[in-house]
PDB file of N, CA and C in Angstrom:
ATOM      1  N   UNK A   1      83.284-194.304-127.150  1.00  0.00           N
ATOM      2  CA  UNK A   1      82.338-193.767-128.107  1.00  0.00           C
ATOM      3  C   UNK A   1      81.142-194.708-128.258  1.00  0.00           C
ATOM      4  N   UNK A   2      80.013-194.157-128.525  1.00  0.00           N
ATOM      5  CA  UNK A   2      78.831-194.967-128.798  1.00  0.00           C
ATOM      6  C   UNK A   2      78.922-195.492-130.220  1.00  0.00           C
ATOM      7  N   UNK A   3      78.248-196.602-130.477  1.00  0.00           N
ATOM      8  CA  UNK A   3      78.267-197.204-131.807  1.00  0.00           C
ATOM      9  C   UNK A   3      77.769-196.234-132.873  1.00  0.00           C
ATOM     10  N   UNK A   4      76.812-195.402-132.553  1.00  0.00           N
ATOM     11  CA  UNK A   4      76.241-194.490-133.543  1.00  0.00           C
ATOM     12  C   UNK A   4      77.166-193.306-133.821  1.00  0.00           C
ATOM     13  N   UNK A   5      78.073-193.011-132.901  1.00  0.00           N
ATOM     14  CA  UNK A   5      78.962-191.872-133.072  1.00  0.00           C
ATOM     15  C   UNK A   5      80.230-192.208-133.838  1.00  0.00           C
ATOM     16  N   UNK A   6      80.635-193.440-133.849  1.00  0.00           N
ATOM     17  CA  UNK A   6      81.903-193.816-134.464  1.00  0.00           C
ATOM     18  C   UNK A   6      81.720-194.016-135.966  1.00  0.00           C
ATOM     19  N   UNK A   7      82.691-193.563-136.718  1.00  0.00           N
ATOM     20  CA  UNK A   7      82.633-193.695-138.172  1.00  0.00           C
ATOM     21  C   UNK A   7      83.651-194.725-138.636  1.00  0.00           C
ATOM     22  N   UNK A   8      83.531-195.129-139.864  1.00  0.00           N
ATOM     23  CA  UNK A   8      84.490-196.064-140.444  1.00  0.00           C
ATOM     24  C   UNK A   8      85.887-195.461-140.419  1.00  0.00           C
ATOM     25  N   UNK A   9      85.991-194.187-140.696  1.00  0.00           N
ATOM     26  CA  UNK A   9      87.282-193.508-140.662  1.00  0.00           C
ATOM     27  C   UNK A   9      87.911-193.575-139.270  1.00  0.00           C
ATOM     28  N   UNK A  10      87.110-193.381-138.230  1.00  0.00           N
ATOM     29  CA  UNK A  10      87.609-193.478-136.848  1.00  0.00           C
ATOM     30  C   UNK A  10      88.181-194.868-136.579  1.00  0.00           C
ATOM     31  N   UNK A  11      87.459-195.881-137.000  1.00  0.00           N
ATOM     32  CA  UNK A  11      87.896-197.263-136.775  1.00  0.00           C
ATOM     33  C   UNK A  11      89.198-197.552-137.518  1.00  0.00           C
ATOM     34  N   UNK A  12      89.293-197.103-138.757  1.00  0.00           N
ATOM     35  CA  UNK A  12      90.503-197.343-139.541  1.00  0.00           C
ATOM     36  C   UNK A  12      91.721-196.685-138.903  1.00  0.00           C
ATOM     37  N   UNK A  13      91.553-195.494-138.366  1.00  0.00           N
ATOM     38  CA  UNK A  13      92.655-194.801-137.695  1.00  0.00           C
ATOM     39  C   UNK A  13      93.089-195.553-136.445  1.00  0.00           C
ATOM     40  N   UNK A  14      92.132-196.001-135.638  1.00  0.00           N
ATOM     41  CA  UNK A  14      92.447-196.736-134.412  1.00  0.00           C
ATOM     42  C   UNK A  14      93.172-198.040-134.743  1.00  0.00           C
ATOM     43  N   UNK A  15      92.682-198.768-135.737  1.00  0.00           N
ATOM     44  CA  UNK A  15      93.310-200.036-136.113  1.00  0.00           C
ATOM     45  C   UNK A  15      94.724-199.832-136.641  1.00  0.00           C
ATOM     46  N   UNK A  16      94.936-198.802-137.430  1.00  0.00           N
ATOM     47  CA  UNK A  16      96.273-198.562-137.971  1.00  0.00           C
ATOM     48  C   UNK A  16      97.270-198.223-136.869  1.00  0.00           C
ATOM     49  N   UNK A  17      96.823-197.555-135.818  1.00  0.00           N
ATOM     50  CA  UNK A  17      97.700-197.251-134.691  1.00  0.00           C
ATOM     51  C   UNK A  17      98.041-198.500-133.886  1.00  0.00           C
ATOM     52  N   UNK A  18      97.250-199.552-134.051  1.00  0.00           N
ATOM     53  CA  UNK A  18      97.534-200.843-133.405  1.00  0.00           C
ATOM     54  C   UNK A  18      98.401-201.723-134.305  1.00  0.00           C
ATOM     55  N   UNK A  19      98.974-201.123-135.331  1.00  0.00           N
ATOM     56  CA  UNK A  19      99.851-201.813-136.285  1.00  0.00           C
ATOM     57  C   UNK A  19      99.126-202.937-137.019  1.00  0.00           C
ATOM     58  N   UNK A  20      97.876-202.667-137.350  1.00  0.00           N
ATOM     59  CA  UNK A  20      97.097-203.604-138.148  1.00  0.00           C
ATOM     60  C   UNK A  20      96.920-202.989-139.524  1.00  0.00           C
ATOM     61  N   UNK A  21      97.258-203.765-140.547  1.00  0.00           N
ATOM     62  CA  UNK A  21      97.055-203.303-141.914  1.00  0.00           C
ATOM     63  C   UNK A  21      95.626-203.613-142.329  1.00  0.00           C
ATOM     64  N   UNK A  22      95.034-202.707-143.081  1.00  0.00           N
ATOM     65  CA  UNK A  22      93.640-202.849-143.476  1.00  0.00           C
ATOM     66  C   UNK A  22      93.534-202.835-144.991  1.00  0.00           C
ATOM     67  N   UNK A  23      92.887-203.855-145.511  1.00  0.00           N
ATOM     68  CA  UNK A  23      92.598-203.898-146.945  1.00  0.00           C
ATOM     69  C   UNK A  23      91.096-203.733-147.081  1.00  0.00           C
ATOM     70  N   UNK A  24      90.686-202.668-147.747  1.00  0.00           N
ATOM     71  CA  UNK A  24      89.263-202.384-147.915  1.00  0.00           C
ATOM     72  C   UNK A  24      88.969-202.271-149.408  1.00  0.00           C
ATOM     73  N   UNK A  25      88.075-203.109-149.870  1.00  0.00           N
ATOM     74  CA  UNK A  25      87.646-203.078-151.265  1.00  0.00           C
ATOM     75  C   UNK A  25      86.156-202.758-151.289  1.00  0.00           C
ATOM     76  N   UNK A  26      85.789-201.837-152.138  1.00  0.00           N
ATOM     77  CA  UNK A  26      84.384-201.456-152.270  1.00  0.00           C
ATOM     78  C   UNK A  26      84.005-201.600-153.729  1.00  0.00           C
ATOM     79  N   UNK A  27      82.891-202.249-153.974  1.00  0.00           N
ATOM     80  CA  UNK A  27      82.455-202.452-155.347  1.00  0.00           C
ATOM     81  C   UNK A  27      80.951-202.438-155.454  1.00  0.00           C
ATOM     82  N   UNK A  28      80.513-202.651-156.645  1.00  0.00           N
ATOM     83  CA  UNK A  28      79.089-202.644-156.954  1.00  0.00           C
ATOM     84  C   UNK A  28      78.741-204.031-157.450  1.00  0.00           C
ATOM     85  N   UNK A  29      77.713-204.656-156.873  1.00  0.00           N
ATOM     86  CA  UNK A  29      77.421-206.049-157.190  1.00  0.00           C
ATOM     87  C   UNK A  29      75.915-206.270-157.247  1.00  0.00           C
ATOM     88  N   UNK A  30      75.513-207.171-158.123  1.00  0.00           N
ATOM     89  CA  UNK A  30      74.100-207.549-158.208  1.00  0.00           C
ATOM     90  C   UNK A  30      73.720-208.283-156.931  1.00  0.00           C
ATOM     91  N   UNK A  31      72.575-207.944-156.395  1.00  0.00           N
ATOM     92  CA  UNK A  31      72.153-208.582-155.155  1.00  0.00           C
ATOM     93  C   UNK A  31      71.592-209.971-155.426  1.00  0.00           C
ATOM     94  N   UNK A  32      71.425-210.715-154.366  1.00  0.00           N
ATOM     95  CA  UNK A  32      70.862-212.059-154.452  1.00  0.00           C
ATOM     96  C   UNK A  32      69.390-211.949-154.848  1.00  0.00           C
ATOM     97  N   UNK A  33      68.917-212.834-155.659  1.00  0.00           N
ATOM     98  CA  UNK A  33      67.527-212.906-156.119  1.00  0.00           C
ATOM     99  C   UNK A  33      67.120-211.735-157.006  1.00  0.00           C
ATOM    100  N   UNK A  34      68.086-211.035-157.578  1.00  0.00           N
ATOM    101  CA  UNK A  34      67.799-210.017-158.570  1.00  0.00           C
ATOM    102  C   UNK A  34      67.052-208.791-158.093  1.00  0.00           C
ATOM    103  N   UNK A  35      67.312-208.325-156.889  1.00  0.00           N
ATOM    104  CA  UNK A  35      66.638-207.134-156.372  1.00  0.00           C
ATOM    105  C   UNK A  35      67.413-205.850-156.655  1.00  0.00           C
ATOM    106  N   UNK A  36      68.287-205.833-157.611  1.00  0.00           N
ATOM    107  CA  UNK A  36      69.023-204.623-157.959  1.00  0.00           C
ATOM    108  C   UNK A  36      70.484-204.696-157.573  1.00  0.00           C
ATOM    109  N   UNK A  37      71.161-203.613-157.822  1.00  0.00           N
ATOM    110  CA  UNK A  37      72.594-203.525-157.576  1.00  0.00           C
ATOM    111  C   UNK A  37      72.850-202.770-156.277  1.00  0.00           C
ATOM    112  N   UNK A  38      73.877-203.214-155.546  1.00  0.00           N
ATOM    113  CA  UNK A  38      74.192-202.628-154.245  1.00  0.00           C
ATOM    114  C   UNK A  38      75.706-202.515-154.068  1.00  0.00           C
ATOM    115  N   UNK A  39      76.101-201.596-153.202  1.00  0.00           N
ATOM    116  CA  UNK A  39      77.515-201.510-152.830  1.00  0.00           C
ATOM    117  C   UNK A  39      77.865-202.698-151.953  1.00  0.00           C
ATOM    118  N   UNK A  40      79.057-203.216-152.155  1.00  0.00           N
ATOM    119  CA  UNK A  40      79.558-204.345-151.387  1.00  0.00           C
ATOM    120  C   UNK A  40      80.906-203.945-150.815  1.00  0.00           C
ATOM    121  N   UNK A  41      81.132-204.272-149.550  1.00  0.00           N
ATOM    122  CA  UNK A  41      82.378-203.953-148.870  1.00  0.00           C
ATOM    123  C   UNK A  41      83.093-205.244-148.505  1.00  0.00           C
ATOM    124  N   UNK A  42      84.364-205.323-148.826  1.00  0.00           N
ATOM    125  CA  UNK A  42      85.186-206.450-148.383  1.00  0.00           C
ATOM    126  C   UNK A  42      86.316-205.857-147.563  1.00  0.00           C
ATOM    127  N   UNK A  43      86.475-206.344-146.344  1.00  0.00           N
ATOM    128  CA  UNK A  43      87.540-205.827-145.489  1.00  0.00           C
ATOM    129  C   UNK A  43      88.362-206.978-144.944  1.00  0.00           C
ATOM    130  N   UNK A  44      89.669-206.745-144.888  1.00  0.00           N
ATOM    131  CA  UNK A  44      90.601-207.734-144.371  1.00  0.00           C
ATOM    132  C   UNK A  44      91.548-207.021-143.409  1.00  0.00           C
ATOM    133  N   UNK A  45      91.679-207.555-142.189  1.00  0.00           N
ATOM    134  CA  UNK A  45      92.603-207.017-141.200  1.00  0.00           C
ATOM    135  C   UNK A  45      93.813-207.936-141.121  1.00  0.00           C
ATOM    136  N   UNK A  46      94.991-207.351-141.234  1.00  0.00           N
ATOM    137  CA  UNK A  46      96.228-208.128-141.284  1.00  0.00           C
ATOM    138  C   UNK A  46      97.159-207.627-140.189  1.00  0.00           C
ATOM    139  N   UNK A  47      97.566-208.512-139.306  1.00  0.00           N
ATOM    140  CA  UNK A  47      98.479-208.173-138.217  1.00  0.00           C
ATOM    141  C   UNK A  47      99.904-208.452-138.669  1.00  0.00           C
ATOM    142  N   UNK A  48     100.763-207.459-138.523  1.00  0.00           N
ATOM    143  CA  UNK A  48     102.181-207.625-138.830  1.00  0.00           C
ATOM    144  C   UNK A  48     102.890-208.022-137.538  1.00  0.00           C
ATOM    145  N   UNK A  49     103.531-209.175-137.551  1.00  0.00           N
ATOM    146  CA  UNK A  49     104.221-209.685-136.372  1.00  0.00           C
ATOM    147  C   UNK A  49     105.715-209.658-136.651  1.00  0.00           C
ATOM    148  N   UNK A  50     106.442-208.875-135.867  1.00  0.00           N
ATOM    149  CA  UNK A  50     107.894-208.828-135.991  1.00  0.00           C
ATOM    150  C   UNK A  50     108.480-209.833-135.011  1.00  0.00           C
ATOM    151  N   UNK A  51     109.511-210.544-135.457  1.00  0.00           N
ATOM    152  CA  UNK A  51     110.100-211.555-134.590  1.00  0.00           C
ATOM    153  C   UNK A  51     111.556-211.795-134.977  1.00  0.00           C
ATOM    154  N   UNK A  52     112.269-212.461-134.080  1.00  0.00           N
ATOM    155  CA  UNK A  52     113.648-212.888-134.331  1.00  0.00           C
ATOM    156  C   UNK A  52     113.607-214.398-134.590  1.00  0.00           C
ATOM    157  N   UNK A  53     114.105-214.797-135.731  1.00  0.00           N
ATOM    158  CA  UNK A  53     114.080-216.214-136.100  1.00  0.00           C
ATOM    159  C   UNK A  53     114.828-217.061-135.077  1.00  0.00           C
ATOM    160  N   UNK A  54     115.976-216.580-134.602  1.00  0.00           N
ATOM    161  CA  UNK A  54     116.797-217.345-133.650  1.00  0.00           C
ATOM    162  C   UNK A  54     116.080-217.503-132.305  1.00  0.00           C
ATOM    163  N   UNK A  55     115.441-216.438-131.844  1.00  0.00           N
ATOM    164  CA  UNK A  55     114.709-216.504-130.566  1.00  0.00           C
ATOM    165  C   UNK A  55     113.519-217.454-130.680  1.00  0.00           C
ATOM    166  N   UNK A  56     112.834-217.388-131.812  1.00  0.00           N
ATOM    167  CA  UNK A  56     111.672-218.258-131.996  1.00  0.00           C
ATOM    168  C   UNK A  56     112.096-219.723-132.061  1.00  0.00           C
ATOM    169  N   UNK A  57     113.165-219.973-132.782  1.00  0.00           N
ATOM    170  CA  UNK A  57     113.652-221.350-132.953  1.00  0.00           C
ATOM    171  C   UNK A  57     114.163-221.928-131.636  1.00  0.00           C
ATOM    172  N   UNK A  58     114.948-221.150-130.889  1.00  0.00           N
ATOM    173  CA  UNK A  58     115.599-221.669-129.684  1.00  0.00           C
ATOM    174  C   UNK A  58     114.761-221.529-128.415  1.00  0.00           C
ATOM    175  N   UNK A  59     113.901-220.522-128.347  1.00  0.00           N
ATOM    176  CA  UNK A  59     113.184-220.239-127.099  1.00  0.00           C
ATOM    177  C   UNK A  59     111.672-220.146-127.246  1.00  0.00           C
ATOM    178  N   UNK A  60     111.171-220.348-128.455  1.00  0.00           N
ATOM    179  CA  UNK A  60     109.733-220.337-128.708  1.00  0.00           C
ATOM    180  C   UNK A  60     109.073-219.018-128.284  1.00  0.00           C
ATOM    181  N   UNK A  61     109.754-217.908-128.548  1.00  0.00           N
ATOM    182  CA  UNK A  61     109.225-216.579-128.265  1.00  0.00           C
ATOM    183  C   UNK A  61     109.646-215.641-129.392  1.00  0.00           C
ATOM    184  N   UNK A  62     108.897-214.558-129.597  1.00  0.00           N
ATOM    185  CA  UNK A  62     109.235-213.649-130.692  1.00  0.00           C
ATOM    186  C   UNK A  62     110.563-212.935-130.454  1.00  0.00           C
ATOM    187  N   UNK A  63     110.784-212.452-129.246  1.00  0.00           N
ATOM    188  CA  UNK A  63     112.059-211.824-128.867  1.00  0.00           C
ATOM    189  C   UNK A  63     112.391-212.199-127.442  1.00  0.00           C
ATOM    190  N   UNK A  64     113.635-212.496-127.206  1.00  0.00           N
ATOM    191  CA  UNK A  64     114.104-212.813-125.853  1.00  0.00           C
ATOM    192  C   UNK A  64     115.101-211.729-125.457  1.00  0.00           C
ATOM    193  N   UNK A  65     114.756-210.972-124.415  1.00  0.00           N
ATOM    194  CA  UNK A  65     115.599-209.848-124.001  1.00  0.00           C
ATOM    195  C   UNK A  65     116.900-210.285-123.341  1.00  0.00           C
ATOM    196  N   UNK A  66     116.893-211.375-122.613  1.00  0.00           N
ATOM    197  CA  UNK A  66     118.099-211.801-121.897  1.00  0.00           C
ATOM    198  C   UNK A  66     118.908-212.839-122.674  1.00  0.00           C
ATOM    199  N   UNK A  67     118.829-212.767-123.985  1.00  0.00           N
ATOM    200  CA  UNK A  67     119.643-213.636-124.842  1.00  0.00           C
ATOM    201  C   UNK A  67     121.109-213.258-124.636  1.00  0.00           C
ATOM    202  N   UNK A  68     122.061-214.165-124.849  1.00  0.00           N
ATOM    203  CA  UNK A  68     123.487-213.840-124.634  1.00  0.00           C
ATOM    204  C   UNK A  68     123.902-212.538-125.338  1.00  0.00           C
ATOM    205  N   UNK A  69     124.839-211.840-124.752  1.00  0.00           N
ATOM    206  CA  UNK A  69     125.234-210.516-125.228  1.00  0.00           C
ATOM    207  C   UNK A  69     125.743-210.499-126.663  1.00  0.00           C
ATOM    208  N   UNK A  70     126.355-211.560-127.119  1.00  0.00           N
ATOM    209  CA  UNK A  70     126.888-211.575-128.484  1.00  0.00           C
ATOM    210  C   UNK A  70     125.827-211.921-129.534  1.00  0.00           C
ATOM    211  N   UNK A  71     124.612-212.119-129.096  1.00  0.00           N
ATOM    212  CA  UNK A  71     123.526-212.472-130.008  1.00  0.00           C
ATOM    213  C   UNK A  71     123.032-211.234-130.765  1.00  0.00           C
ATOM    214  N   UNK A  72     122.894-211.366-132.053  1.00  0.00           N
ATOM    215  CA  UNK A  72     122.272-210.325-132.864  1.00  0.00           C
ATOM    216  C   UNK A  72     120.943-210.880-133.352  1.00  0.00           C
ATOM    217  N   UNK A  73     119.914-210.148-133.070  1.00  0.00           N
ATOM    218  CA  UNK A  73     118.588-210.605-133.486  1.00  0.00           C
ATOM    219  C   UNK A  73     118.509-210.665-135.010  1.00  0.00           C
ATOM    220  N   UNK A  74     117.830-211.653-135.492  1.00  0.00           N
ATOM    221  CA  UNK A  74     117.570-211.817-136.920  1.00  0.00           C
ATOM    222  C   UNK A  74     116.134-211.369-137.170  1.00  0.00           C
ATOM    223  N   UNK A  75     115.967-210.076-137.463  1.00  0.00           N
ATOM    224  CA  UNK A  75     114.624-209.487-137.577  1.00  0.00           C
ATOM    225  C   UNK A  75     113.900-209.987-138.818  1.00  0.00           C
ATOM    226  N   UNK A  76     112.665-210.405-138.599  1.00  0.00           N
ATOM    227  CA  UNK A  76     111.795-210.863-139.686  1.00  0.00           C
ATOM    228  C   UNK A  76     110.383-210.384-139.413  1.00  0.00           C
ATOM    229  N   UNK A  77     109.539-210.492-140.418  1.00  0.00           N
ATOM    230  CA  UNK A  77     108.131-210.126-140.280  1.00  0.00           C
ATOM    231  C   UNK A  77     107.271-211.213-140.893  1.00  0.00           C
ATOM    232  N   UNK A  78     106.134-211.425-140.275  1.00  0.00           N
ATOM    233  CA  UNK A  78     105.133-212.304-140.871  1.00  0.00           C
ATOM    234  C   UNK A  78     103.795-211.595-140.787  1.00  0.00           C
ATOM    235  N   UNK A  79     102.935-211.917-141.710  1.00  0.00           N
ATOM    236  CA  UNK A  79     101.640-211.265-141.781  1.00  0.00           C
ATOM    237  C   UNK A  79     100.554-212.316-141.605  1.00  0.00           C
ATOM    238  N   UNK A  80      99.650-212.045-140.672  1.00  0.00           N
ATOM    239  CA  UNK A  80      98.596-212.998-140.352  1.00  0.00           C
ATOM    240  C   UNK A  80      97.242-212.304-140.493  1.00  0.00           C
ATOM    241  N   UNK A  81      96.369-212.875-141.313  1.00  0.00           N
ATOM    242  CA  UNK A  81      95.014-212.344-141.456  1.00  0.00           C
ATOM    243  C   UNK A  81      94.232-212.695-140.205  1.00  0.00           C
ATOM    244  N   UNK A  82      93.731-211.651-139.526  1.00  0.00           N
ATOM    245  CA  UNK A  82      92.974-211.889-138.299  1.00  0.00           C
ATOM    246  C   UNK A  82      91.469-211.733-138.514  1.00  0.00           C
ATOM    247  N   UNK A  83      91.085-211.155-139.651  1.00  0.00           N
ATOM    248  CA  UNK A  83      89.665-210.991-139.943  1.00  0.00           C
ATOM    249  C   UNK A  83      89.511-210.713-141.435  1.00  0.00           C
ATOM    250  N   UNK A  84      88.513-211.334-142.062  1.00  0.00           N
ATOM    251  CA  UNK A  84      88.187-211.066-143.462  1.00  0.00           C
ATOM    252  C   UNK A  84      86.714-211.390-143.675  1.00  0.00           C
ATOM    253  N   UNK A  85      85.997-210.434-144.255  1.00  0.00           N
ATOM    254  CA  UNK A  85      84.566-210.664-144.448  1.00  0.00           C
ATOM    255  C   UNK A  85      84.012-209.679-145.473  1.00  0.00           C
ATOM    256  N   UNK A  86      82.942-210.089-146.132  1.00  0.00           N
ATOM    257  CA  UNK A  86      82.233-209.230-147.083  1.00  0.00           C
ATOM    258  C   UNK A  86      80.933-208.753-146.451  1.00  0.00           C
ATOM    259  N   UNK A  87      80.612-207.484-146.665  1.00  0.00           N
ATOM    260  CA  UNK A  87      79.408-206.885-146.089  1.00  0.00           C
ATOM    261  C   UNK A  87      78.584-206.222-147.175  1.00  0.00           C
ATOM    262  N   UNK A  88      77.291-206.154-146.943  1.00  0.00           N
ATOM    263  CA  UNK A  88      76.368-205.481-147.860  1.00  0.00           C
ATOM    264  C   UNK A  88      76.072-204.050-147.429  1.00  0.00           C
ATOM    265  N   UNK A  89      76.364-203.715-146.157  1.00  0.00           N
ATOM    266  CA  UNK A  89      76.170-202.322-145.746  1.00  0.00           C
ATOM    267  C   UNK A  89      77.248-201.907-144.747  1.00  0.00           C
ATOM    268  N   UNK A  90      77.478-200.614-144.691  1.00  0.00           N
ATOM    269  CA  UNK A  90      78.556-200.052-143.879  1.00  0.00           C
ATOM    270  C   UNK A  90      78.301-200.214-142.379  1.00  0.00           C
ATOM    271  N   UNK A  91      77.056-200.128-141.955  1.00  0.00           N
ATOM    272  CA  UNK A  91      76.735-200.230-140.528  1.00  0.00           C
ATOM    273  C   UNK A  91      77.110-201.597-139.967  1.00  0.00           C
ATOM    274  N   UNK A  92      76.790-202.662-140.690  1.00  0.00           N
ATOM    275  CA  UNK A  92      77.163-204.004-140.237  1.00  0.00           C
ATOM    276  C   UNK A  92      78.679-204.149-140.146  1.00  0.00           C
ATOM    277  N   UNK A  93      79.388-203.578-141.119  1.00  0.00           N
ATOM    278  CA  UNK A  93      80.843-203.652-141.117  1.00  0.00           C
ATOM    279  C   UNK A  93      81.410-202.913-139.905  1.00  0.00           C
ATOM    280  N   UNK A  94      80.908-201.727-139.617  1.00  0.00           N
ATOM    281  CA  UNK A  94      81.383-200.955-138.472  1.00  0.00           C
ATOM    282  C   UNK A  94      81.134-201.715-137.175  1.00  0.00           C
ATOM    283  N   UNK A  95      79.946-202.269-137.020  1.00  0.00           N
ATOM    284  CA  UNK A  95      79.627-203.010-135.797  1.00  0.00           C
ATOM    285  C   UNK A  95      80.543-204.220-135.606  1.00  0.00           C
ATOM    286  N   UNK A  96      80.885-204.892-136.678  1.00  0.00           N
ATOM    287  CA  UNK A  96      81.791-206.043-136.593  1.00  0.00           C
ATOM    288  C   UNK A  96      83.221-205.591-136.262  1.00  0.00           C
ATOM    289  N   UNK A  97      83.660-204.496-136.847  1.00  0.00           N
ATOM    290  CA  UNK A  97      85.024-204.006-136.618  1.00  0.00           C
ATOM    291  C   UNK A  97      85.224-203.468-135.209  1.00  0.00           C
ATOM    292  N   UNK A  98      84.146-203.096-134.539  1.00  0.00           N
ATOM    293  CA  UNK A  98      84.264-202.608-133.160  1.00  0.00           C
ATOM    294  C   UNK A  98      84.871-203.668-132.242  1.00  0.00           C
ATOM    295  N   UNK A  99      84.767-204.932-132.619  1.00  0.00           N
ATOM    296  CA  UNK A  99      85.360-206.011-131.822  1.00  0.00           C
ATOM    297  C   UNK A  99      86.888-205.994-131.834  1.00  0.00           C
ATOM    298  N   UNK A 100      87.486-205.275-132.780  1.00  0.00           N
ATOM    299  CA  UNK A 100      88.933-205.286-132.958  1.00  0.00           C
ATOM    300  C   UNK A 100      89.618-204.007-132.484  1.00  0.00           C
ATOM    301  N   UNK A 101      88.833-203.065-131.960  1.00  0.00           N
ATOM    302  CA  UNK A 101      89.473-201.831-131.470  1.00  0.00           C
ATOM    303  C   UNK A 101      89.603-201.837-129.962  1.00  0.00           C
TER     304      UNK A 101
END
């Protein structure tokens, strides 16, 4: 898709299918130097990483497929912020988020 054709909604759908959690806050804030009030966007992308504690501890990998047969994976999750930024307009935010799709 071209940059002008893609919408914020399109980007959010693509990111969610990549198992990335999205925190989007929109508010109204006084601009710098008193030029009036503007919408402000804050977006945070959070990657959920599933892993086995035993595999990570013993083999330095999230999951090891050829672990001994009697091994039961100890499933855990960790959340890592991969992007967080505040924007003054939606177009700048969309252009920045295109790097993550």
